Structures are given as C-alpha cells and as structure tokens.
Amino acid sequence: MTDSPLTRPLRKQYAELRDGKLTATALVDASLEAYRTRGKRDHAYLTWNGEPARAFAAATDALLAQGGDAGALMGMAISIKDIYAVPGLPTYAGSSTRLPADWERPGPMISALLAQCPSVMGKTHSVEFAFGGLGTNAHWGAPRNPWDAVNHRTPGGSSSGAGVSLVGGTASLALGTDTAGSVRVPASMTGVAGLKTTAGRWSTEQIVPLSSTLDTPGLLARRVDDLAFAFDALDDSLSVSRQRVPARPALADLTFGVPEHFFWDDCSPGIAETVRDAIQRLESAGARLVPLELPGTDDAFALFQQGGLAAAELAAFLRTSLPESIPNLDPNVAARVAAADDMPAWEYVRRRSLIESLYREAADRMADVDAVLTPTVALTPPTLESLVPEGAYPKANMHALRNTVIANFLGLCGLTLPVGKDAAGMPVGLQVLSGPWQDARLLAVGQAIENELGNGLEILGMPPA
C-alpha cells in the first residue's frame, strides 16, 4: 500500500487529477486491489461498491479530460459510514435489518459530497445506531484494528470501519459521525486524523440519529491537512458561516491550555507518556503552554455515565420510527435503550439545561487559549476476547469515550492526530479542542501541530501486512 496513490495528500491528488498525472480510475483500481488483498481481513465495509465505483470513475475521467470540474473532491475514493443515507446503497445503521427506502434519500451532507463526483467505495461498518465507542457489533462483527496482526483488537467506534478503510488502503477520505467521540476514538485507535465539527454547523438530516442534540458529522483522513482540504471543499455548501481554513499559524504565536487532571487519569501504559512528549516538543518549537482546566468536566462525565441525552433520544427515535428494530438490538445497545424508559421528563429537561450551561461556561474559558491539548483516548484498543466477561464491555466503552465526550457535552469542536504508539504498539492520538464555531481555525492550528510533529504515515509507518 505504500505506493498506492490513495496515500498521497489530497491536495496532490487534486492537482494530479487535473494535470493528467493521475486518474480517478487509477485511484479506484488501487482501492480494489487493497480490498482484494485485505478486505476480508480488515472487514471495514458492510456494503462494498467497488465495481460500480470503477464505472463511475471512468465517467469522471472522461469529464476531467474535457475540462470539467465538479469540485475539489472529484475523482477521489471515499468511504461513508453506514448511517448516512446514500442513493443506491442500503442503510442498516449497524442493525440486523435494512432500513426503509427513505433512508437511501440523501440529506444535505451527502448531496454536497456527491455533487463533487467522488468515487464512493462503499459504506463502512458502524456500531448499531452509533451507540458505542469500541466498534463492536453483534450482528455484523467488528472491523479489525490493522495495527495488531495477531490479536483482533477493536478499531474504535462508532465509526468503526472508517479509520480501517483509510489504513487498509481503500479510501483517502472517510465520513463518520461524532456524538461522544465516534470520529475521534476510531481515528485515534487506528492512527489517522479525525475532525468533530461543532454541533449544528453541518446538517444531520438523513443521517440516522443517535442524539438529535449532540450528533455531528465528521471527517477522517490520513493527515490533518487532508481534513482541512476536505473541510474547505464541503463547508461552502453546508455552513452559513462558510469559513475557509486560514493560513497555518506559527507555533510561536499559539497558546495551548493543558489540563492537569481528568484526561490523564488511568491511561493505558505509554499513552500519557507519548502525548506529554508530543506536547513538550510543541513547547520546544515555540508554543506557549498554560495550565487550564475545562469547566464542568466531572459534571459532564457523571452525566455521561448516567446515559446523557443519547439513550433517551435514541429510544424516542426507535420507538417512533423503527419500533420493529427494538427486539433485535445488540445487547450492548439494548440495555442502554431500555434504561431510558425509566427517565422522567423532568430529568431529561434537567440534563438539557446542564449541557446548555456547560456550553456557555466552556465557550468563555476557551477564549483564553488557541486550543486545549489532551490525550484523545486513554485506553489502548482492547481485544475482543477481553470484552467477553460480564461487565467488561461497559467499563471499557466508558473508558474509551471518557476524554472525547467532554468536547460534545461542552459544545466544542475537536480534532485528533496520531503522535506515536503506546506500550502495546497501538496508535496514540493527541486531542486538540477549540471553542464552538472555530472549526476552520482549529484545522489551521492542527496543521501547525502536524507540521512540527509529522503526519501519521511519517510517525507510525505502515501497519503489519
């Protein structure tokens, strides 16, 4: 895969597609070859769209040859999480049954993407109804984390196939969603970059909902710069603010807040050490570090442990829209959906009010720094067998999502990028958080960090064959 054109920066792919040095067909062929050699092992896709994508790529090449240009993502190989409605492809949302045909009608996010004529390689696996942070699924199985050739480790969830599709060489950009960390956790666990947008920035219409309050569309790619490229390509169509990613700032012009507590507790061996080393390198390169505790982290995490808003909001969606799916839910999902039945209306309102209060406090605190730096995930990807004993799954799931959910409950935008490996040889992510609606600025800050530390391919190399 090291010679695959899919590993080239998206900006380079864009230029080469237009000057004739690269074709959309060549990109799809590289994806098809990677799927042939690794697809069954990686198990990234629920629905593979390889041959139709190749036919579409040939048409794209003909259009490019005539000078046509549908947008920056034209001709690029992309994977889409199986909770997005995509024309011509079934939607299961990780459940055992195909959802009604209306869930193949695209919403604004997919319409903006497809208008640019990318090659859609398929729909990647998701935790059922996106309700889980490890990437397991009782109906379809879990994609394999590519960084362990011996043990079947979790890839992170709920966008469980997204990061695997990138590392496995079948896509250059992946669409996921993030409600409590469902982009950042799989990105961190599989060694790629991931962006959680500010809730409300991009429409969630025709994305199967987990939490109508907290759901956010997101992106995964091999580099922060690839995320910035794709963000610019999509944001013009999706956001009223229409921000462009600004020029990359100098590290000497940046002030980073570094919490001293919470995010560093109970990290698996090698995670805290690797992230602290990365932060120290940024300081050595000129960045200013200041201690900064995010407000309400303990309250936010306690609320998450109680089920947050997602359990009640998913239960409402399932009971009103897909009641037939409830008896067949993955047991790990069913237990939390059932628990929502005992929540009184006043408690739901209290939780909404608490989150709104946390939003306001966090926005004020984030004004003091350019970004906050923490470990993305405190837990090394567990093996599937370690999750079998009673109580093991909920404990590990909560641990995996602990650091990422804070951004969701505080209304922040967030980014993760790989900075090394832990003691088990698994990727470690650095989480970069900024205030609400600062997504474009966050990506520029992430580019500055990546420019100093290197991107995932440079830091991690390639996963074992």
Foldseek 3Di string as FASTA:
>chain_A
DVPQPLQDFLVVVLVCLQVVVDFLLSLLVQLVVLCVVCVVQQQFAPWFDRPVLNVLRVVLSVCSVVVDFQFSQASFEEEEALQAQAAPAFHDQLFQDTDDPVLNDGDQQVVLVCSRHYRYGHHTAFARNFPFWFQAHPRRGGGAQLQDPPFRFTLTARSRSFLSSAQSSNGAKYKDKDQLCRFPLNCQQNFWKKWFAFPPFFDCPSRRHQFPQQITIMMIGQALVSRLSVCLRRSCRGGPVSDHQDAQDAQLVFEAEEEPDDQQPQFDFAQQVLQVVLVVLSVVSRHHYDHDDQPPLVVLLVCVVVVQRRLLRNLVCCVVPPVVRQVRHDVVNNVSNVSNVPDDPVNNVVSVVQLVVLQVRRLVRLVVGLKYKGWQARYNGGGPVQCPPPPSRVVRRSRRSSRRNSCSSNRWIKMWFWQAAGPVLTTIIMMIIHRHPCRSHSSSNSVNSCVRRPTRCVHNNRRDD
